[in-house]
Amino acid sequence: MEPRFLLLSDVATELNVSDSQVYHMVRSGELPAIKVGGRGQWRVERARLEEYIQRKYAETAEWVRGNPLTERDPE
């Protein structure tokens, strides 16, 4: 069974980005997270990570539709 909450380092591994990039995403509110414990460690709920990924797929698809690939001039 997978854990419900992930460390920021686990999220970074899942997304193949740096820990600092995930920290920035959390602090900016782009990726929902909670602070737990007396030291205020960040945790990301797996379901929120999956929602984030789906949202990014939708945003990327919208961007691709608005920025079609143009054909290169034949050489």
PDB file of N, CA and C in Angstrom:
ATOM      1  N   MET A   1       0.841  -1.187   0.000  1.00  0.00           N
ATOM      2  CA  MET A   1       0.000   0.000   0.000  1.00  0.00           C
ATOM      3  C   MET A   1       0.887   1.251   0.000  1.00  0.00           C
ATOM      4  N   GLU A   2       0.592   2.174  -0.876  1.00  0.00           N
ATOM      5  CA  GLU A   2       1.371   3.403  -0.965  1.00  0.00           C
ATOM      6  C   GLU A   2       0.976   4.357   0.151  1.00  0.00           C
ATOM      7  N   PRO A   3       1.934   5.135   0.659  1.00  0.00           N
ATOM      8  CA  PRO A   3       1.598   6.093   1.713  1.00  0.00           C
ATOM      9  C   PRO A   3       0.704   7.206   1.177  1.00  0.00           C
ATOM     10  N   ARG A   4      -0.146   7.736   2.050  1.00  0.00           N
ATOM     11  CA  ARG A   4      -1.044   8.815   1.648  1.00  0.00           C
ATOM     12  C   ARG A   4      -0.281  10.116   1.417  1.00  0.00           C
ATOM     13  N   PHE A   5       0.717  10.369   2.265  1.00  0.00           N
ATOM     14  CA  PHE A   5       1.474  11.618   2.176  1.00  0.00           C
ATOM     15  C   PHE A   5       2.907  11.352   1.753  1.00  0.00           C
ATOM     16  N   LEU A   6       3.444  12.270   0.964  1.00  0.00           N
ATOM     17  CA  LEU A   6       4.801  12.155   0.436  1.00  0.00           C
ATOM     18  C   LEU A   6       5.675  13.281   0.968  1.00  0.00           C
ATOM     19  N   LEU A   7       6.950  12.971   1.174  1.00  0.00           N
ATOM     20  CA  LEU A   7       7.945  13.993   1.469  1.00  0.00           C
ATOM     21  C   LEU A   7       8.177  14.803   0.203  1.00  0.00           C
ATOM     22  N   LEU A   8       8.669  16.024   0.357  1.00  0.00           N
ATOM     23  CA  LEU A   8       8.965  16.821  -0.830  1.00  0.00           C
ATOM     24  C   LEU A   8      10.014  16.134  -1.694  1.00  0.00           C
ATOM     25  N   SER A   9      10.947  15.438  -1.075  1.00  0.00           N
ATOM     26  CA  SER A   9      11.957  14.715  -1.856  1.00  0.00           C
ATOM     27  C   SER A   9      11.326  13.585  -2.667  1.00  0.00           C
ATOM     28  N   ASP A  10      10.279  12.949  -2.118  1.00  0.00           N
ATOM     29  CA  ASP A  10       9.566  11.911  -2.873  1.00  0.00           C
ATOM     30  C   ASP A  10       8.845  12.515  -4.076  1.00  0.00           C
ATOM     31  N   VAL A  11       8.245  13.685  -3.868  1.00  0.00           N
ATOM     32  CA  VAL A  11       7.561  14.380  -4.961  1.00  0.00           C
ATOM     33  C   VAL A  11       8.573  14.746  -6.043  1.00  0.00           C
ATOM     34  N   ALA A  12       9.740  15.239  -5.624  1.00  0.00           N
ATOM     35  CA  ALA A  12      10.782  15.602  -6.579  1.00  0.00           C
ATOM     36  C   ALA A  12      11.186  14.389  -7.411  1.00  0.00           C
ATOM     37  N   THR A  13      11.308  13.244  -6.772  1.00  0.00           N
ATOM     38  CA  THR A  13      11.660  12.019  -7.489  1.00  0.00           C
ATOM     39  C   THR A  13      10.564  11.646  -8.481  1.00  0.00           C
ATOM     40  N   GLU A  14       9.311  11.722  -8.044  1.00  0.00           N
ATOM     41  CA  GLU A  14       8.176  11.386  -8.923  1.00  0.00           C
ATOM     42  C   GLU A  14       8.146  12.282 -10.164  1.00  0.00           C
ATOM     43  N   LEU A  15       8.430  13.576  -9.976  1.00  0.00           N
ATOM     44  CA  LEU A  15       8.352  14.533 -11.082  1.00  0.00           C
ATOM     45  C   LEU A  15       9.682  14.699 -11.811  1.00  0.00           C
ATOM     46  N   ASN A  16      10.724  14.063 -11.298  1.00  0.00           N
ATOM     47  CA  ASN A  16      12.062  14.159 -11.883  1.00  0.00           C
ATOM     48  C   ASN A  16      12.539  15.613 -11.938  1.00  0.00           C
ATOM     49  N   VAL A  17      12.362  16.317 -10.812  1.00  0.00           N
ATOM     50  CA  VAL A  17      12.829  17.689 -10.653  1.00  0.00           C
ATOM     51  C   VAL A  17      13.613  17.771  -9.343  1.00  0.00           C
ATOM     52  N   SER A  18      14.172  18.919  -9.053  1.00  0.00           N
ATOM     53  CA  SER A  18      14.949  19.079  -7.826  1.00  0.00           C
ATOM     54  C   SER A  18      14.034  19.305  -6.616  1.00  0.00           C
ATOM     55  N   ASP A  19      14.581  19.032  -5.446  1.00  0.00           N
ATOM     56  CA  ASP A  19      13.843  19.293  -4.204  1.00  0.00           C
ATOM     57  C   ASP A  19      13.482  20.772  -4.102  1.00  0.00           C
ATOM     58  N   SER A  20      14.401  21.647  -4.508  1.00  0.00           N
ATOM     59  CA  SER A  20      14.136  23.085  -4.402  1.00  0.00           C
ATOM     60  C   SER A  20      13.005  23.522  -5.338  1.00  0.00           C
ATOM     61  N   GLN A  21      12.880  22.871  -6.488  1.00  0.00           N
ATOM     62  CA  GLN A  21      11.763  23.192  -7.393  1.00  0.00           C
ATOM     63  C   GLN A  21      10.432  22.817  -6.746  1.00  0.00           C
ATOM     64  N   VAL A  22      10.388  21.667  -6.089  1.00  0.00           N
ATOM     65  CA  VAL A  22       9.154  21.244  -5.415  1.00  0.00           C
ATOM     66  C   VAL A  22       8.843  22.195  -4.265  1.00  0.00           C
ATOM     67  N   TYR A  23       9.855  22.581  -3.500  1.00  0.00           N
ATOM     68  CA  TYR A  23       9.648  23.512  -2.396  1.00  0.00           C
ATOM     69  C   TYR A  23       9.050  24.816  -2.924  1.00  0.00           C
ATOM     70  N   HIS A  24       9.569  25.314  -4.029  1.00  0.00           N
ATOM     71  CA  HIS A  24       9.035  26.541  -4.619  1.00  0.00           C
ATOM     72  C   HIS A  24       7.579  26.343  -5.062  1.00  0.00           C
ATOM     73  N   MET A  25       7.266  25.202  -5.666  1.00  0.00           N
ATOM     74  CA  MET A  25       5.898  24.921  -6.107  1.00  0.00           C
ATOM     75  C   MET A  25       4.938  24.909  -4.922  1.00  0.00           C
ATOM     76  N   VAL A  26       5.393  24.367  -3.801  1.00  0.00           N
ATOM     77  CA  VAL A  26       4.567  24.301  -2.592  1.00  0.00           C
ATOM     78  C   VAL A  26       4.411  25.694  -1.987  1.00  0.00           C
ATOM     79  N   ARG A  27       5.519  26.413  -1.838  1.00  0.00           N
ATOM     80  CA  ARG A  27       5.466  27.738  -1.209  1.00  0.00           C
ATOM     81  C   ARG A  27       4.673  28.741  -2.037  1.00  0.00           C
ATOM     82  N   SER A  28       4.669  28.574  -3.362  1.00  0.00           N
ATOM     83  CA  SER A  28       3.923  29.490  -4.224  1.00  0.00           C
ATOM     84  C   SER A  28       2.439  29.139  -4.285  1.00  0.00           C
ATOM     85  N   GLY A  29       2.077  27.953  -3.780  1.00  0.00           N
ATOM     86  CA  GLY A  29       0.685  27.521  -3.827  1.00  0.00           C
ATOM     87  C   GLY A  29       0.332  26.742  -5.080  1.00  0.00           C
ATOM     88  N   GLU A  30       1.301  26.566  -5.960  1.00  0.00           N
ATOM     89  CA  GLU A  30       1.049  25.818  -7.200  1.00  0.00           C
ATOM     90  C   GLU A  30       0.706  24.355  -6.912  1.00  0.00           C
ATOM     91  N   LEU A  31       1.384  23.790  -5.915  1.00  0.00           N
ATOM     92  CA  LEU A  31       1.156  22.399  -5.517  1.00  0.00           C
ATOM     93  C   LEU A  31       0.667  22.399  -4.075  1.00  0.00           C
ATOM     94  N   PRO A  32      -0.571  21.977  -3.825  1.00  0.00           N
ATOM     95  CA  PRO A  32      -1.099  21.974  -2.458  1.00  0.00           C
ATOM     96  C   PRO A  32      -0.305  21.041  -1.543  1.00  0.00           C
ATOM     97  N   ALA A  33      -0.036  21.520  -0.328  1.00  0.00           N
ATOM     98  CA  ALA A  33       0.697  20.730   0.655  1.00  0.00           C
ATOM     99  C   ALA A  33       0.290  21.185   2.052  1.00  0.00           C
ATOM    100  N   ILE A  34       0.691  20.407   3.042  1.00  0.00           N
ATOM    101  CA  ILE A  34       0.430  20.764   4.434  1.00  0.00           C
ATOM    102  C   ILE A  34       1.745  20.725   5.206  1.00  0.00           C
ATOM    103  N   LYS A  35       1.766  21.470   6.313  1.00  0.00           N
ATOM    104  CA  LYS A  35       2.897  21.413   7.234  1.00  0.00           C
ATOM    105  C   LYS A  35       2.457  20.584   8.429  1.00  0.00           C
ATOM    106  N   VAL A  36       3.293  19.648   8.845  1.00  0.00           N
ATOM    107  CA  VAL A  36       2.954  18.774   9.971  1.00  0.00           C
ATOM    108  C   VAL A  36       4.105  18.750  10.971  1.00  0.00           C
ATOM    109  N   GLY A  37       3.763  18.400  12.180  1.00  0.00           N
ATOM    110  CA  GLY A  37       4.776  18.229  13.211  1.00  0.00           C
ATOM    111  C   GLY A  37       5.274  19.540  13.782  1.00  0.00           C
ATOM    112  N   GLY A  38       6.005  19.422  14.872  1.00  0.00           N
ATOM    113  CA  GLY A  38       6.529  20.581  15.566  1.00  0.00           C
ATOM    114  C   GLY A  38       7.534  21.374  14.756  1.00  0.00           C
ATOM    115  N   ARG A  39       8.210  20.724  13.846  1.00  0.00           N
ATOM    116  CA  ARG A  39       9.200  21.402  13.011  1.00  0.00           C
ATOM    117  C   ARG A  39       8.613  21.879  11.693  1.00  0.00           C
ATOM    118  N   GLY A  40       7.317  21.659  11.487  1.00  0.00           N
ATOM    119  CA  GLY A  40       6.637  22.150  10.290  1.00  0.00           C
ATOM    120  C   GLY A  40       7.160  21.567   9.003  1.00  0.00           C
ATOM    121  N   GLN A  41       7.262  20.259   8.958  1.00  0.00           N
ATOM    122  CA  GLN A  41       7.733  19.604   7.742  1.00  0.00           C
ATOM    123  C   GLN A  41       6.597  19.524   6.730  1.00  0.00           C
ATOM    124  N   TRP A  42       6.919  19.757   5.477  1.00  0.00           N
ATOM    125  CA  TRP A  42       5.934  19.746   4.405  1.00  0.00           C
ATOM    126  C   TRP A  42       5.616  18.330   3.966  1.00  0.00           C
ATOM    127  N   ARG A  43       4.340  18.101   3.664  1.00  0.00           N
ATOM    128  CA  ARG A  43       3.888  16.831   3.104  1.00  0.00           C
ATOM    129  C   ARG A  43       2.887  17.126   1.990  1.00  0.00           C
ATOM    130  N   VAL A  44       2.955  16.324   0.942  1.00  0.00           N
ATOM    131  CA  VAL A  44       2.032  16.448  -0.191  1.00  0.00           C
ATOM    132  C   VAL A  44       1.212  15.173  -0.247  1.00  0.00           C
ATOM    133  N   GLU A  45      -0.091  15.335  -0.235  1.00  0.00           N
ATOM    134  CA  GLU A  45      -0.972  14.176  -0.334  1.00  0.00           C
ATOM    135  C   GLU A  45      -0.876  13.610  -1.755  1.00  0.00           C
ATOM    136  N   ARG A  46      -0.737  12.307  -1.839  1.00  0.00           N
ATOM    137  CA  ARG A  46      -0.585  11.654  -3.149  1.00  0.00           C
ATOM    138  C   ARG A  46      -1.717  12.053  -4.107  1.00  0.00           C
ATOM    139  N   ALA A  47      -2.948  12.125  -3.605  1.00  0.00           N
ATOM    140  CA  ALA A  47      -4.085  12.498  -4.456  1.00  0.00           C
ATOM    141  C   ALA A  47      -3.909  13.905  -5.019  1.00  0.00           C
ATOM    142  N   ARG A  48      -3.363  14.828  -4.207  1.00  0.00           N
ATOM    143  CA  ARG A  48      -3.128  16.201  -4.680  1.00  0.00           C
ATOM    144  C   ARG A  48      -2.027  16.227  -5.745  1.00  0.00           C
ATOM    145  N   LEU A  49      -1.019  15.369  -5.584  1.00  0.00           N
ATOM    146  CA  LEU A  49       0.032  15.279  -6.590  1.00  0.00           C
ATOM    147  C   LEU A  49      -0.548  14.781  -7.909  1.00  0.00           C
ATOM    148  N   GLU A  50      -1.402  13.768  -7.846  1.00  0.00           N
ATOM    149  CA  GLU A  50      -2.016  13.245  -9.076  1.00  0.00           C
ATOM    150  C   GLU A  50      -2.898  14.298  -9.730  1.00  0.00           C
ATOM    151  N   GLU A  51      -3.635  15.080  -8.925  1.00  0.00           N
ATOM    152  CA  GLU A  51      -4.458  16.167  -9.473  1.00  0.00           C
ATOM    153  C   GLU A  51      -3.577  17.212 -10.143  1.00  0.00           C
ATOM    154  N   TYR A  52      -2.453  17.526  -9.508  1.00  0.00           N
ATOM    155  CA  TYR A  52      -1.501  18.486 -10.069  1.00  0.00           C
ATOM    156  C   TYR A  52      -0.994  18.004 -11.425  1.00  0.00           C
ATOM    157  N   ILE A  53      -0.636  16.737 -11.497  1.00  0.00           N
ATOM    158  CA  ILE A  53      -0.133  16.174 -12.748  1.00  0.00           C
ATOM    159  C   ILE A  53      -1.203  16.251 -13.833  1.00  0.00           C
ATOM    160  N   GLN A  54      -2.430  15.905 -13.509  1.00  0.00           N
ATOM    161  CA  GLN A  54      -3.512  15.984 -14.496  1.00  0.00           C
ATOM    162  C   GLN A  54      -3.749  17.419 -14.950  1.00  0.00           C
ATOM    163  N   ARG A  55      -3.664  18.366 -14.000  1.00  0.00           N
ATOM    164  CA  ARG A  55      -3.832  19.779 -14.343  1.00  0.00           C
ATOM    165  C   ARG A  55      -2.719  20.224 -15.295  1.00  0.00           C
ATOM    166  N   LYS A  56      -1.514  19.779 -15.062  1.00  0.00           N
ATOM    167  CA  LYS A  56      -0.387  20.135 -15.926  1.00  0.00           C
ATOM    168  C   LYS A  56      -0.547  19.525 -17.317  1.00  0.00           C
ATOM    169  N   TYR A  57      -1.077  18.295 -17.394  1.00  0.00           N
ATOM    170  CA  TYR A  57      -1.365  17.707 -18.706  1.00  0.00           C
ATOM    171  C   TYR A  57      -2.369  18.570 -19.465  1.00  0.00           C
ATOM    172  N   ALA A  58      -3.423  19.013 -18.782  1.00  0.00           N
ATOM    173  CA  ALA A  58      -4.445  19.844 -19.424  1.00  0.00           C
ATOM    174  C   ALA A  58      -3.858  21.186 -19.865  1.00  0.00           C
ATOM    175  N   GLU A  59      -3.044  21.807 -19.004  1.00  0.00           N
ATOM    176  CA  GLU A  59      -2.417  23.078 -19.356  1.00  0.00           C
ATOM    177  C   GLU A  59      -1.481  22.917 -20.551  1.00  0.00           C
ATOM    178  N   THR A  60      -0.735  21.839 -20.575  1.00  0.00           N
ATOM    179  CA  THR A  60       0.187  21.588 -21.676  1.00  0.00           C
ATOM    180  C   THR A  60      -0.570  21.359 -22.979  1.00  0.00           C
ATOM    181  N   ALA A  61      -1.652  20.588 -22.911  1.00  0.00           N
ATOM    182  CA  ALA A  61      -2.464  20.333 -24.107  1.00  0.00           C
ATOM    183  C   ALA A  61      -3.035  21.641 -24.645  1.00  0.00           C
ATOM    184  N   GLU A  62      -3.484  22.511 -23.758  1.00  0.00           N
ATOM    185  CA  GLU A  62      -4.020  23.811 -24.170  1.00  0.00           C
ATOM    186  C   GLU A  62      -2.919  24.649 -24.823  1.00  0.00           C
ATOM    187  N   TRP A  63      -1.736  24.627 -24.251  1.00  0.00           N
ATOM    188  CA  TRP A  63      -0.622  25.369 -24.811  1.00  0.00           C
ATOM    189  C   TRP A  63      -0.266  24.839 -26.207  1.00  0.00           C
ATOM    190  N   VAL A  64      -0.246  23.524 -26.360  1.00  0.00           N
ATOM    191  CA  VAL A  64       0.086  22.915 -27.652  1.00  0.00           C
ATOM    192  C   VAL A  64      -0.945  23.318 -28.702  1.00  0.00           C
ATOM    193  N   ARG A  65      -2.227  23.310 -28.328  1.00  0.00           N
ATOM    194  CA  ARG A  65      -3.270  23.722 -29.272  1.00  0.00           C
ATOM    195  C   ARG A  65      -3.080  25.174 -29.711  1.00  0.00           C
ATOM    196  N   GLY A  66      -2.649  26.015 -28.791  1.00  0.00           N
ATOM    197  CA  GLY A  66      -2.458  27.432 -29.110  1.00  0.00           C
ATOM    198  C   GLY A  66      -1.136  27.744 -29.775  1.00  0.00           C
ATOM    199  N   ASN A  67      -0.234  26.782 -29.804  1.00  0.00           N
ATOM    200  CA  ASN A  67       1.094  26.983 -30.392  1.00  0.00           C
ATOM    201  C   ASN A  67       1.430  25.813 -31.307  1.00  0.00           C
ATOM    202  N   PRO A  68       0.712  25.736 -32.436  1.00  0.00           N
ATOM    203  CA  PRO A  68       0.926  24.584 -33.327  1.00  0.00           C
ATOM    204  C   PRO A  68       2.345  24.572 -33.891  1.00  0.00           C
ATOM    205  N   LEU A  69       2.794  23.393 -34.159  1.00  0.00           N
ATOM    206  CA  LEU A  69       4.104  23.199 -34.777  1.00  0.00           C
ATOM    207  C   LEU A  69       4.020  23.655 -36.224  1.00  0.00           C
ATOM    208  N   THR A  70       4.952  24.460 -36.658  1.00  0.00           N
ATOM    209  CA  THR A  70       4.945  24.888 -38.055  1.00  0.00           C
ATOM    210  C   THR A  70       5.963  24.054 -38.816  1.00  0.00           C
ATOM    211  N   GLU A  71       5.631  23.815 -40.047  1.00  0.00           N
ATOM    212  CA  GLU A  71       6.515  23.029 -40.905  1.00  0.00           C
ATOM    213  C   GLU A  71       7.738  23.856 -41.271  1.00  0.00           C
ATOM    214  N   ARG A  72       8.877  23.206 -41.329  1.00  0.00           N
ATOM    215  CA  ARG A  72      10.080  23.876 -41.782  1.00  0.00           C
ATOM    216  C   ARG A  72      10.082  23.980 -43.295  1.00  0.00           C
ATOM    217  N   ASP A  73      10.752  24.998 -43.780  1.00  0.00           N
ATOM    218  CA  ASP A  73      10.891  25.123 -45.234  1.00  0.00           C
ATOM    219  C   ASP A  73      11.702  23.960 -45.758  1.00  0.00           C
ATOM    220  N   PRO A  74      11.260  23.340 -46.858  1.00  0.00           N
ATOM    221  CA  PRO A  74      12.049  22.228 -47.412  1.00  0.00           C
ATOM    222  C   PRO A  74      13.403  22.734 -47.887  1.00  0.00           C
ATOM    223  N   GLU A  75      14.399  21.907 -47.697  1.00  0.00           N
ATOM    224  CA  GLU A  75      15.767  22.305 -48.116  1.00  0.00           C
ATOM    225  C   GLU A  75      16.073  21.844 -49.492  1.00  0.00           C
TER     226      GLU A  75
END
